[in-house]
Amino acid sequence: MNISRWWTLAALTIAAACGSSTSYSSNPPPPPPPASGGHLTTITVSNNVFSPTPDTINAGTITFHWAASAITHNVTWQTGPGTLPTNSIDKKGGDPDYQATLTTGTYTYHCTHHGAMTGIIVVLP
């Protein structure tokens, strides 16, 4: 076999092998983590669960959102740095969200209607 034909055959074999590599376009990589270690700034209140908890966020506003089917719950702050935000009033699914502005520190909260329903938020500077 002629040497140039041999190199051509080798090049075609390598190109064919590379062309059959697996594509991962149907499974995109996960999104990058939020800046500065913060996570979600919305906590869903559903039937006897705050989600996510615990959570770590950057200083700023956190939103509590009542899921459409949620029964009556509230957010009562137990511990945290400085003056705690005002407790929310009783809300149920479909009611407007409750927002609180939090500064650096660790906050614990619960629902007074369901004692086992608790949450923790760690707020980064």
C-alpha atoms as a PDB file:
ATOM      1  CA  MET A   1       0.000   0.000   0.000  1.00  0.00           C
ATOM      2  CA  ASN A   2       1.278   3.430  -0.906  1.00  0.00           C
ATOM      3  CA  ILE A   3       2.368   5.482   2.181  1.00  0.00           C
ATOM      4  CA  SER A   4       0.130   8.429   1.223  1.00  0.00           C
ATOM      5  CA  ARG A   5      -2.859   6.086   0.957  1.00  0.00           C
ATOM      6  CA  TRP A   6      -1.974   4.659   4.381  1.00  0.00           C
ATOM      7  CA  TRP A   7      -1.920   8.181   5.940  1.00  0.00           C
ATOM      8  CA  THR A   8      -5.211   9.043   4.234  1.00  0.00           C
ATOM      9  CA  LEU A   9      -6.812   5.850   5.580  1.00  0.00           C
ATOM     10  CA  ALA A  10      -5.458   6.558   9.103  1.00  0.00           C
ATOM     11  CA  ALA A  11      -6.753  10.133   8.989  1.00  0.00           C
ATOM     12  CA  LEU A  12     -10.219   8.984   7.876  1.00  0.00           C
ATOM     13  CA  THR A  13     -10.319   6.357  10.630  1.00  0.00           C
ATOM     14  CA  ILE A  14      -9.422   8.922  13.299  1.00  0.00           C
ATOM     15  CA  ALA A  15     -11.949  11.435  11.920  1.00  0.00           C
ATOM     16  CA  ALA A  16     -14.686   8.802  11.946  1.00  0.00           C
ATOM     17  CA  ALA A  17     -13.863   7.848  15.533  1.00  0.00           C
ATOM     18  CA  CYS A  18     -13.981  11.475  16.655  1.00  0.00           C
ATOM     19  CA  GLY A  19     -17.204  12.089  14.775  1.00  0.00           C
ATOM     20  CA  SER A  20     -19.030   9.395  16.741  1.00  0.00           C
ATOM     21  CA  SER A  21     -18.426  10.986  20.121  1.00  0.00           C
ATOM     22  CA  THR A  22     -21.447  11.307  22.405  1.00  0.00           C
ATOM     23  CA  SER A  23     -23.241  14.642  22.509  1.00  0.00           C
ATOM     24  CA  TYR A  24     -24.710  15.847  25.811  1.00  0.00           C
ATOM     25  CA  SER A  25     -26.864  18.618  24.385  1.00  0.00           C
ATOM     26  CA  SER A  26     -30.046  16.913  25.638  1.00  0.00           C
ATOM     27  CA  ASN A  27     -28.760  17.089  29.231  1.00  0.00           C
ATOM     28  CA  PRO A  28     -27.382  20.593  29.770  1.00  0.00           C
ATOM     29  CA  PRO A  29     -25.013  21.096  32.686  1.00  0.00           C
ATOM     30  CA  PRO A  30     -26.539  22.387  35.941  1.00  0.00           C
ATOM     31  CA  PRO A  31     -26.710  26.164  36.361  1.00  0.00           C
ATOM     32  CA  PRO A  32     -23.866  27.847  38.233  1.00  0.00           C
ATOM     33  CA  PRO A  33     -24.358  28.473  41.958  1.00  0.00           C
ATOM     34  CA  PRO A  34     -25.719  31.892  42.983  1.00  0.00           C
ATOM     35  CA  ALA A  35     -23.199  34.631  43.649  1.00  0.00           C
ATOM     36  CA  SER A  36     -21.632  34.845  47.113  1.00  0.00           C
ATOM     37  CA  GLY A  37     -23.133  31.559  48.304  1.00  0.00           C
ATOM     38  CA  GLY A  38     -26.711  32.827  48.386  1.00  0.00           C
ATOM     39  CA  HIS A  39     -29.579  30.556  47.487  1.00  0.00           C
ATOM     40  CA  LEU A  40     -33.253  31.089  46.871  1.00  0.00           C
ATOM     41  CA  THR A  41     -34.844  34.283  48.105  1.00  0.00           C
ATOM     42  CA  THR A  42     -38.336  32.781  48.060  1.00  0.00           C
ATOM     43  CA  ILE A  43     -39.513  30.260  50.617  1.00  0.00           C
ATOM     44  CA  THR A  44     -42.646  28.335  49.753  1.00  0.00           C
ATOM     45  CA  VAL A  45     -45.166  27.798  52.522  1.00  0.00           C
ATOM     46  CA  SER A  46     -47.234  24.713  51.863  1.00  0.00           C
ATOM     47  CA  ASN A  47     -49.108  22.231  54.002  1.00  0.00           C
ATOM     48  CA  ASN A  48     -46.928  21.962  57.122  1.00  0.00           C
ATOM     49  CA  VAL A  49     -43.633  22.688  55.331  1.00  0.00           C
ATOM     50  CA  PHE A  50     -41.365  25.688  54.732  1.00  0.00           C
ATOM     51  CA  SER A  51     -39.197  24.978  51.675  1.00  0.00           C
ATOM     52  CA  PRO A  52     -36.274  25.299  51.388  1.00  0.00           C
ATOM     53  CA  THR A  53     -35.031  25.189  54.940  1.00  0.00           C
ATOM     54  CA  PRO A  54     -32.401  25.673  56.039  1.00  0.00           C
ATOM     55  CA  ASP A  55     -31.387  28.224  53.430  1.00  0.00           C
ATOM     56  CA  THR A  56     -28.471  30.610  52.994  1.00  0.00           C
ATOM     57  CA  ILE A  57     -29.068  33.936  51.263  1.00  0.00           C
ATOM     58  CA  ASN A  58     -27.368  37.256  50.772  1.00  0.00           C
ATOM     59  CA  ALA A  59     -28.534  40.179  52.923  1.00  0.00           C
ATOM     60  CA  GLY A  60     -31.737  41.661  51.553  1.00  0.00           C
ATOM     61  CA  THR A  61     -35.358  40.713  51.055  1.00  0.00           C
ATOM     62  CA  ILE A  62     -36.747  37.219  51.557  1.00  0.00           C
ATOM     63  CA  THR A  63     -40.216  36.368  50.258  1.00  0.00           C
ATOM     64  CA  PHE A  64     -42.552  33.821  51.802  1.00  0.00           C
ATOM     65  CA  HIS A  65     -45.004  32.537  49.192  1.00  0.00           C
ATOM     66  CA  TRP A  66     -48.092  30.533  50.158  1.00  0.00           C
ATOM     67  CA  ALA A  67     -48.672  27.640  47.721  1.00  0.00           C
ATOM     68  CA  ALA A  68     -52.088  27.579  46.045  1.00  0.00           C
ATOM     69  CA  SER A  69     -53.346  24.679  48.161  1.00  0.00           C
ATOM     70  CA  ALA A  70     -51.758  25.786  51.450  1.00  0.00           C
ATOM     71  CA  ILE A  71     -53.881  25.814  54.573  1.00  0.00           C
ATOM     72  CA  THR A  72     -53.565  28.699  57.060  1.00  0.00           C
ATOM     73  CA  HIS A  73     -49.975  29.283  58.257  1.00  0.00           C
ATOM     74  CA  ASN A  74     -47.908  32.170  59.550  1.00  0.00           C
ATOM     75  CA  VAL A  75     -44.242  33.101  59.923  1.00  0.00           C
ATOM     76  CA  THR A  76     -43.291  33.897  63.517  1.00  0.00           C
ATOM     77  CA  TRP A  77     -39.657  34.906  64.025  1.00  0.00           C
ATOM     78  CA  GLN A  78     -37.978  33.300  67.048  1.00  0.00           C
ATOM     79  CA  THR A  79     -34.335  34.404  66.876  1.00  0.00           C
ATOM     80  CA  GLY A  80     -32.186  36.679  64.813  1.00  0.00           C
ATOM     81  CA  PRO A  81     -29.809  39.630  65.042  1.00  0.00           C
ATOM     82  CA  GLY A  82     -31.066  43.043  66.090  1.00  0.00           C
ATOM     83  CA  THR A  83     -34.702  43.911  65.595  1.00  0.00           C
ATOM     84  CA  LEU A  84     -36.622  41.077  63.984  1.00  0.00           C
ATOM     85  CA  PRO A  85     -39.026  41.751  61.131  1.00  0.00           C
ATOM     86  CA  THR A  86     -42.703  42.053  61.956  1.00  0.00           C
ATOM     87  CA  ASN A  87     -44.459  38.704  62.091  1.00  0.00           C
ATOM     88  CA  SER A  88     -46.725  37.975  59.178  1.00  0.00           C
ATOM     89  CA  ILE A  89     -50.435  37.657  59.670  1.00  0.00           C
ATOM     90  CA  ASP A  90     -52.208  34.361  59.073  1.00  0.00           C
ATOM     91  CA  LYS A  91     -52.295  33.535  55.369  1.00  0.00           C
ATOM     92  CA  LYS A  92     -53.456  30.668  53.209  1.00  0.00           C
ATOM     93  CA  GLY A  93     -52.995  29.580  49.589  1.00  0.00           C
ATOM     94  CA  GLY A  94     -53.617  32.402  47.146  1.00  0.00           C
ATOM     95  CA  ASP A  95     -53.021  35.185  49.693  1.00  0.00           C
ATOM     96  CA  PRO A  96     -50.378  37.843  48.928  1.00  0.00           C
ATOM     97  CA  ASP A  97     -46.746  37.046  49.705  1.00  0.00           C
ATOM     98  CA  TYR A  98     -45.015  38.174  52.900  1.00  0.00           C
ATOM     99  CA  GLN A  99     -41.617  39.870  52.620  1.00  0.00           C
ATOM    100  CA  ALA A 100     -38.996  40.666  55.220  1.00  0.00           C
ATOM    101  CA  THR A 101     -35.670  42.460  54.845  1.00  0.00           C
ATOM    102  CA  LEU A 102     -32.918  40.593  56.677  1.00  0.00           C
ATOM    103  CA  THR A 103     -29.406  41.632  57.667  1.00  0.00           C
ATOM    104  CA  THR A 104     -26.413  39.398  58.369  1.00  0.00           C
ATOM    105  CA  GLY A 105     -27.047  36.649  60.909  1.00  0.00           C
ATOM    106  CA  THR A 106     -29.042  33.492  61.560  1.00  0.00           C
ATOM    107  CA  TYR A 107     -32.820  33.621  61.819  1.00  0.00           C
ATOM    108  CA  THR A 108     -35.163  30.918  63.079  1.00  0.00           C
ATOM    109  CA  TYR A 109     -38.908  30.971  62.562  1.00  0.00           C
ATOM    110  CA  HIS A 110     -41.955  28.763  62.920  1.00  0.00           C
ATOM    111  CA  CYS A 111     -45.680  28.577  62.297  1.00  0.00           C
ATOM    112  CA  THR A 112     -47.644  29.052  65.517  1.00  0.00           C
ATOM    113  CA  HIS A 113     -50.442  26.831  64.188  1.00  0.00           C
ATOM    114  CA  HIS A 114     -48.142  23.875  63.504  1.00  0.00           C
ATOM    115  CA  GLY A 115     -45.322  23.651  66.056  1.00  0.00           C
ATOM    116  CA  ALA A 116     -43.252  21.189  64.030  1.00  0.00           C
ATOM    117  CA  MET A 117     -43.234  23.588  61.068  1.00  0.00           C
ATOM    118  CA  THR A 118     -39.923  25.423  61.525  1.00  0.00           C
ATOM    119  CA  GLY A 119     -37.257  27.066  59.405  1.00  0.00           C
ATOM    120  CA  ILE A 120     -33.776  28.564  59.469  1.00  0.00           C
ATOM    121  CA  ILE A 121     -32.256  31.260  57.273  1.00  0.00           C
ATOM    122  CA  VAL A 122     -28.556  32.129  57.373  1.00  0.00           C
ATOM    123  CA  VAL A 123     -27.939  35.586  55.914  1.00  0.00           C
ATOM    124  CA  LEU A 124     -24.519  36.376  54.486  1.00  0.00           C
ATOM    125  CA  PRO A 125     -23.088  39.918  54.547  1.00  0.00           C
END
